[in-house]
């Protein structure tokens, strides 16, 4: 994919009003989307990726060998699968907002743009990319649809974890074992623990190839709300950090975690405030949907009335012939 100048957020007119009036984008829980295989799709390649990486790095390990340190796993492979699935099937909120590199895609209009009556909002990609911040669990990633690319992405994660094990082997821990191979086998739980920290985020950017036409870019935010089934109840004061505190990152504000009711579910969300970037033209284009009756001049003055300089925004109509 070539250099990205803009990415496009398809939405209804009602959502568009909320975005330009509040200068925010809403990040909602990935686990509550219409695609029930979100995150879980990565599980298709996680075993083959491990086997390929072990072979490449010449780590002689029988994955079917008995694993003694977990009563729920009979082999190293079962333990590995269990630890990865705990992440991929974890229902703790991961919040996302979605964009496309395509500004006028018929399938996007139908699915996300109010069946063609909505708008496609162009955002300056460089400004959105400022959100890449590993410390605060925030990143901007392109979604991978091709199976080869997905496999390579997971193999890259596993290789990073092997490099971590390499460094650990050079410490006093490694001196306890006769060689690196012996060390890796006996410290396999450490390898799995490190991997699970990475694989959850990567899984958010691996989707069924059937969605490839979307050409999606995601802002992903992990508020790190603990899983009650595993960790138990959270202290009330600690909870207030999630539900009261505002984070500031690169002139953005991440507003506190909230819940809405949608499709018979309670859905976690937070709003991403970009008001400090309006004068940097974070919004640079508006495409009016193919079934919309909104006129370009009305859109121009609507933006002006909400404190957005429409002279710096390209306003066009969709070229899709859809009624």
Protein backbone atom coordinates (compact mmCIF):
# COMPACT_ATOMS: atom_id res chain seq x y z
CA UNK A 1 0.00 0.00 0.00
CA UNK A 2 1.30 3.43 -0.93
CA UNK A 3 1.62 6.49 1.24
CA UNK A 4 -1.61 7.39 3.03
CA UNK A 5 -2.62 11.05 3.04
CA UNK A 6 -6.15 10.72 4.43
CA UNK A 7 -8.31 8.06 6.03
CA UNK A 8 -12.10 8.12 5.94
CA UNK A 9 -14.70 7.57 8.63
CA UNK A 10 -18.11 6.60 7.22
CA UNK A 11 -21.05 7.50 9.42
CA UNK A 12 -24.69 8.54 9.57
CA UNK A 13 -25.69 12.20 9.52
CA UNK A 14 -26.63 12.00 13.20
CA UNK A 15 -23.16 10.70 14.08
CA UNK A 16 -21.57 13.31 11.81
CA UNK A 17 -23.32 16.08 13.73
CA UNK A 18 -22.01 14.66 17.00
CA UNK A 19 -18.47 14.47 15.62
CA UNK A 20 -18.29 18.05 14.35
CA UNK A 21 -20.18 19.59 17.27
CA UNK A 22 -18.20 17.81 19.98
CA UNK A 23 -14.93 17.45 18.04
CA UNK A 24 -14.73 13.83 19.14
CA UNK A 25 -14.60 10.33 17.69
CA UNK A 26 -16.18 7.47 19.61
CA UNK A 27 -14.16 4.35 20.33
CA UNK A 28 -16.40 1.35 21.09
CA UNK A 29 -15.79 -2.17 22.33
CA UNK A 30 -14.42 -4.44 19.60
CA UNK A 31 -15.99 -7.46 21.28
CA UNK A 32 -19.48 -6.09 20.60
CA UNK A 33 -19.18 -5.60 16.83
CA UNK A 34 -21.21 -7.50 14.21
CA UNK A 35 -18.22 -9.68 13.27
CA UNK A 36 -18.32 -12.46 15.87
CA UNK A 37 -14.82 -13.60 14.82
CA UNK A 38 -13.15 -10.32 15.83
CA UNK A 39 -9.78 -11.11 17.48
CA UNK A 40 -10.47 -14.84 17.21
CA UNK A 41 -9.52 -15.02 13.52
CA UNK A 42 -5.84 -14.93 14.52
CA UNK A 43 -6.25 -18.31 16.19
CA UNK A 44 -6.24 -19.95 12.74
CA UNK A 45 -2.52 -19.30 12.30
CA UNK A 46 -1.12 -19.18 15.82
CA UNK A 47 0.06 -22.82 15.89
CA UNK A 48 1.63 -22.87 12.43
CA UNK A 49 3.33 -19.53 13.18
CA UNK A 50 4.95 -21.02 16.29
CA UNK A 51 6.13 -24.15 14.48
CA UNK A 52 7.61 -22.10 11.62
CA UNK A 53 9.44 -19.78 14.03
CA UNK A 54 10.89 -22.64 16.09
CA UNK A 55 12.14 -24.26 12.89
CA UNK A 56 13.66 -21.02 11.61
CA UNK A 57 15.52 -20.39 14.88
CA UNK A 58 16.57 -24.05 15.12
CA UNK A 59 14.92 -24.59 18.49
CA UNK A 60 14.56 -28.35 18.86
CA UNK A 61 11.37 -28.74 20.85
CA UNK A 62 8.75 -31.46 20.86
CA UNK A 63 5.53 -29.49 21.34
CA UNK A 64 3.63 -32.71 22.02
CA UNK A 65 5.87 -33.50 24.98
CA UNK A 66 4.24 -33.66 28.42
CA UNK A 67 3.89 -30.26 30.12
CA UNK A 68 4.15 -30.65 33.89
CA UNK A 69 3.43 -27.13 35.13
CA UNK A 70 -0.27 -26.74 34.31
CA UNK A 71 -2.91 -29.30 35.21
CA UNK A 72 -5.17 -28.07 32.37
CA UNK A 73 -2.59 -28.78 29.65
CA UNK A 74 -1.20 -32.19 28.71
CA UNK A 75 1.49 -30.88 26.38
CA UNK A 76 3.52 -27.76 25.62
CA UNK A 77 1.31 -27.20 22.58
CA UNK A 78 -1.88 -27.41 24.64
CA UNK A 79 -0.45 -24.94 27.14
CA UNK A 80 0.49 -22.56 24.34
CA UNK A 81 -2.98 -22.82 22.79
CA UNK A 82 -4.67 -22.28 26.13
CA UNK A 83 -2.67 -19.15 26.96
CA UNK A 84 -3.26 -17.62 23.53
CA UNK A 85 -6.98 -18.43 23.56
CA UNK A 86 -7.29 -16.80 26.99
CA UNK A 87 -6.29 -13.57 25.26
CA UNK A 88 -8.17 -13.99 21.98
CA UNK A 89 -11.42 -14.95 23.71
CA UNK A 90 -11.06 -12.47 26.57
CA UNK A 91 -14.14 -10.20 26.69
CA UNK A 92 -12.37 -7.32 28.48
CA UNK A 93 -13.06 -4.11 26.52
CA UNK A 94 -10.78 -3.21 23.62
CA UNK A 95 -12.00 0.06 22.13
CA UNK A 96 -11.71 0.94 18.46
CA UNK A 97 -12.80 3.47 15.89
CA UNK A 98 -12.55 2.56 12.23
CA UNK A 99 -11.48 4.28 9.02
CA UNK A 100 -11.00 3.24 5.41
CA UNK A 101 -8.33 4.31 2.96
CA UNK A 102 -11.16 4.49 0.37
CA UNK A 103 -13.29 7.62 0.49
CA UNK A 104 -16.13 6.55 -1.80
CA UNK A 105 -16.69 2.80 -1.48
CA UNK A 106 -20.21 1.52 -2.15
CA UNK A 107 -19.97 -1.31 0.38
CA UNK A 108 -18.90 1.20 3.04
CA UNK A 109 -21.82 3.48 2.24
CA UNK A 110 -24.22 0.58 2.61
CA UNK A 111 -22.76 -0.79 5.83
CA UNK A 112 -21.64 2.32 7.72
CA UNK A 113 -22.82 5.41 5.84
CA UNK A 114 -26.56 5.25 6.56
CA UNK A 115 -27.15 3.25 3.38
CA UNK A 116 -25.72 6.07 1.29
CA UNK A 117 -27.43 8.95 3.10
CA UNK A 118 -24.52 9.63 5.44
CA UNK A 119 -21.07 11.11 4.93
CA UNK A 120 -17.45 10.04 4.68
CA UNK A 121 -15.17 12.25 6.79
CA UNK A 122 -11.57 12.55 5.64
CA UNK A 123 -9.01 12.83 8.44
CA UNK A 124 -5.37 13.83 8.09
CA UNK A 125 -3.54 10.53 8.53
CA UNK A 126 -0.34 12.09 9.90
CA UNK A 127 -2.31 13.70 12.72
CA UNK A 128 -4.21 10.49 13.48
CA UNK A 129 -0.93 8.58 13.47
CA UNK A 130 0.26 10.68 16.41
CA UNK A 131 -1.92 8.41 18.54
CA UNK A 132 0.61 5.59 18.30
CA UNK A 133 1.60 5.38 21.95
CA UNK A 134 2.62 2.03 23.42
CA UNK A 135 2.73 3.33 26.98
CA UNK A 136 -0.96 4.22 27.10
CA UNK A 137 -2.27 1.19 25.24
CA UNK A 138 -3.09 3.27 22.17
CA UNK A 139 -2.13 2.55 18.58
CA UNK A 140 -3.08 3.14 14.94
CA UNK A 141 -2.86 0.03 12.76
CA UNK A 142 -3.80 -1.10 9.26
CA UNK A 143 -5.92 -4.25 9.18
CA UNK A 144 -4.38 -7.33 7.51
CA UNK A 145 -6.70 -9.44 5.33
CA UNK A 146 -4.38 -11.63 3.25
CA UNK A 147 -3.60 -14.89 5.00
CA UNK A 148 0.10 -14.70 4.13
CA UNK A 149 0.33 -11.23 5.66
CA UNK A 150 -1.54 -12.41 8.75
CA UNK A 151 0.81 -15.36 9.14
CA UNK A 152 3.83 -13.08 8.78
CA UNK A 153 2.44 -10.66 11.35
CA UNK A 154 2.06 -13.44 13.93
CA UNK A 155 5.45 -14.93 13.09
CA UNK A 156 6.96 -11.49 13.65
CA UNK A 157 5.42 -11.36 17.12
CA UNK A 158 6.75 -14.80 17.96
CA UNK A 159 10.21 -13.83 16.70
CA UNK A 160 10.15 -10.76 18.97
CA UNK A 161 9.37 -13.04 21.91
CA UNK A 162 12.21 -15.37 20.93
CA UNK A 163 14.55 -12.36 20.92
CA UNK A 164 13.29 -11.56 24.42
CA UNK A 165 14.17 -15.11 25.46
CA UNK A 166 17.62 -14.68 23.89
CA UNK A 167 18.29 -11.70 26.15
CA UNK A 168 16.92 -13.52 29.18
CA UNK A 169 19.24 -16.43 28.45
CA UNK A 170 22.23 -14.10 28.67
CA UNK A 171 21.33 -13.24 32.28
CA UNK A 172 21.86 -15.36 35.37
CA UNK A 173 18.66 -17.25 34.52
CA UNK A 174 20.31 -18.83 31.50
CA UNK A 175 23.24 -20.14 33.53
CA UNK A 176 20.91 -22.61 35.24
CA UNK A 177 20.61 -24.64 32.03
CA UNK A 178 23.04 -26.69 29.94
CA UNK A 179 22.25 -24.84 26.70
CA UNK A 180 19.78 -22.45 25.07
CA UNK A 181 17.52 -25.24 23.85
CA UNK A 182 17.18 -26.65 27.36
CA UNK A 183 16.54 -23.14 28.67
CA UNK A 184 13.79 -22.41 26.13
CA UNK A 185 11.93 -25.65 26.83
CA UNK A 186 12.02 -25.20 30.59
CA UNK A 187 11.12 -21.51 30.47
CA UNK A 188 8.39 -21.99 27.87
CA UNK A 189 5.82 -20.47 30.23
CA UNK A 190 7.82 -17.22 30.20
CA UNK A 191 7.80 -17.22 26.40
CA UNK A 192 4.02 -17.72 26.39
CA UNK A 193 3.50 -14.98 28.97
CA UNK A 194 5.45 -12.47 26.89
CA UNK A 195 3.66 -13.51 23.70
CA UNK A 196 0.19 -13.03 25.16
CA UNK A 197 1.04 -9.40 25.93
CA UNK A 198 1.50 -8.77 22.21
CA UNK A 199 -0.91 -11.12 20.51
CA UNK A 200 -4.06 -9.43 21.86
CA UNK A 201 -3.30 -6.17 20.08
CA UNK A 202 -2.18 -7.91 16.89
CA UNK A 203 -5.39 -9.93 16.81
CA UNK A 204 -7.34 -6.66 16.60
CA UNK A 205 -5.79 -6.06 13.18
CA UNK A 206 -6.35 -9.50 11.64
CA UNK A 207 -9.70 -10.03 9.90
CA UNK A 208 -11.50 -12.46 7.66
CA UNK A 209 -10.41 -11.90 4.01
CA UNK A 210 -14.10 -11.46 3.15
CA UNK A 211 -13.81 -7.94 4.62
CA UNK A 212 -10.79 -6.99 2.47
CA UNK A 213 -12.76 -4.43 0.44
CA UNK A 214 -13.05 -2.26 3.56
CA UNK A 215 -9.28 -1.47 3.51
CA UNK A 216 -9.56 -0.60 7.17
CA UNK A 217 -7.32 1.42 9.46
CA UNK A 218 -8.08 1.29 13.18
CA UNK A 219 -7.39 3.40 16.21
CA UNK A 220 -7.15 0.84 19.02
CA UNK A 221 -7.24 1.66 22.71
CA UNK A 222 -6.87 -0.84 25.54
CA UNK A 223 -8.04 0.77 28.80
CA UNK A 224 -6.75 -2.34 30.61
CA UNK A 225 -9.94 -2.95 32.51
CA UNK A 226 -9.32 -6.20 34.36
CA UNK A 227 -11.33 -9.36 33.67
CA UNK A 228 -13.43 -10.05 36.77
CA UNK A 229 -13.62 -13.78 36.03
CA UNK A 230 -9.84 -13.98 36.37
CA UNK A 231 -8.88 -11.09 38.65
CA UNK A 232 -11.98 -10.77 40.81
CA UNK A 233 -13.61 -7.52 41.91
CA UNK A 234 -11.80 -4.24 41.44
CA UNK A 235 -11.22 -1.74 44.24
CA UNK A 236 -13.74 1.12 44.03
CA UNK A 237 -11.05 3.83 44.14
CA UNK A 238 -9.08 2.09 41.42
CA UNK A 239 -12.23 1.90 39.30
CA UNK A 240 -12.59 5.68 39.40
CA UNK A 241 -9.34 6.01 37.45
CA UNK A 242 -11.10 4.40 34.50
CA UNK A 243 -14.37 6.28 34.85
CA UNK A 244 -13.21 9.78 35.88
CA UNK A 245 -9.71 10.44 34.57
CA UNK A 246 -8.91 12.11 31.24
CA UNK A 247 -5.69 11.14 29.44
CA UNK A 248 -3.86 13.66 27.25
CA UNK A 249 -1.71 12.37 24.38
CA UNK A 250 -0.24 14.45 21.52
CA UNK A 251 -2.95 17.16 21.76
CA UNK A 252 -5.69 14.53 21.99
CA UNK A 253 -7.78 13.78 25.04
CA UNK A 254 -9.08 10.32 25.87
CA UNK A 255 -12.22 10.85 27.87
CA UNK A 256 -13.29 8.49 30.69
CA UNK A 257 -14.73 5.07 30.01
CA UNK A 258 -18.52 4.97 29.70
CA UNK A 259 -21.25 2.48 28.75
CA UNK A 260 -24.13 2.67 26.30
CA UNK A 261 -26.98 0.27 25.50
CA UNK A 262 -26.97 -1.07 21.94
CA UNK A 263 -28.30 -4.22 20.29
CA UNK A 264 -29.39 -5.68 23.63
CA UNK A 265 -25.88 -5.25 25.04
CA UNK A 266 -24.02 -2.88 27.34
CA UNK A 267 -21.16 -1.53 25.25
CA UNK A 268 -18.06 0.13 26.70
CA UNK A 269 -16.88 3.27 24.92
CA UNK A 270 -14.83 6.41 25.31
CA UNK A 271 -14.65 9.58 23.24
CA UNK A 272 -11.43 10.78 21.64
CA UNK A 273 -11.32 14.58 21.73
CA UNK A 274 -9.45 16.14 18.78
CA UNK A 275 -10.59 19.74 19.34
CA UNK A 276 -7.01 21.00 19.77
CA UNK A 277 -6.19 19.79 16.26
CA UNK A 278 -9.03 21.54 14.42
CA UNK A 279 -6.75 24.43 13.44
CA UNK A 280 -4.24 21.92 12.07
CA UNK A 281 -6.96 20.74 9.66
CA UNK A 282 -7.36 17.27 11.10
CA UNK A 283 -10.58 17.11 9.05
CA UNK A 284 -9.56 17.73 5.45
CA UNK A 285 -12.39 16.32 3.34
CA UNK A 286 -16.12 15.58 3.43
CA UNK A 287 -17.76 13.26 0.90
CA UNK A 288 -21.57 13.47 0.86
CA UNK A 289 -23.26 10.10 0.41
CA UNK A 290 -24.79 9.01 -2.93
CA UNK A 291 -28.37 9.01 -1.58
CA UNK A 292 -28.02 12.18 0.48
CA UNK A 293 -29.97 15.32 -0.41
CA UNK A 294 -27.56 17.55 1.51
CA UNK A 295 -26.11 20.35 -0.63
CA UNK A 296 -22.41 21.22 -0.64
CA UNK A 297 -23.11 24.85 0.32
CA UNK A 298 -25.15 23.77 3.34
CA UNK A 299 -22.33 21.47 4.42
CA UNK A 300 -19.84 24.32 4.02
CA UNK A 301 -21.78 26.64 6.32
CA UNK A 302 -22.59 23.86 8.78
CA UNK A 303 -18.86 23.34 9.29
CA UNK A 304 -18.29 27.08 9.65
CA UNK A 305 -21.05 27.33 12.24
CA UNK A 306 -19.27 24.70 14.33
CA UNK A 307 -15.92 26.48 14.41
CA UNK A 308 -14.33 24.53 11.57
CA UNK A 309 -12.73 26.46 8.70
CA UNK A 310 -14.48 24.91 5.71
CA UNK A 311 -12.17 26.78 3.32
CA UNK A 312 -9.53 24.18 4.19
CA UNK A 313 -11.86 21.23 3.61
CA UNK A 314 -12.64 19.63 0.26
CA UNK A 315 -16.40 19.03 0.04
CA UNK A 316 -17.59 16.70 -2.72
CA UNK A 317 -20.43 14.36 -3.57
CA UNK A 318 -20.09 10.61 -3.94
CA UNK A 319 -19.64 9.37 -7.48
CA UNK A 320 -21.37 6.08 -6.67
CA UNK A 321 -24.57 5.53 -8.65
CA UNK A 322 -26.69 4.23 -5.82
CA UNK A 323 -30.32 5.06 -5.06
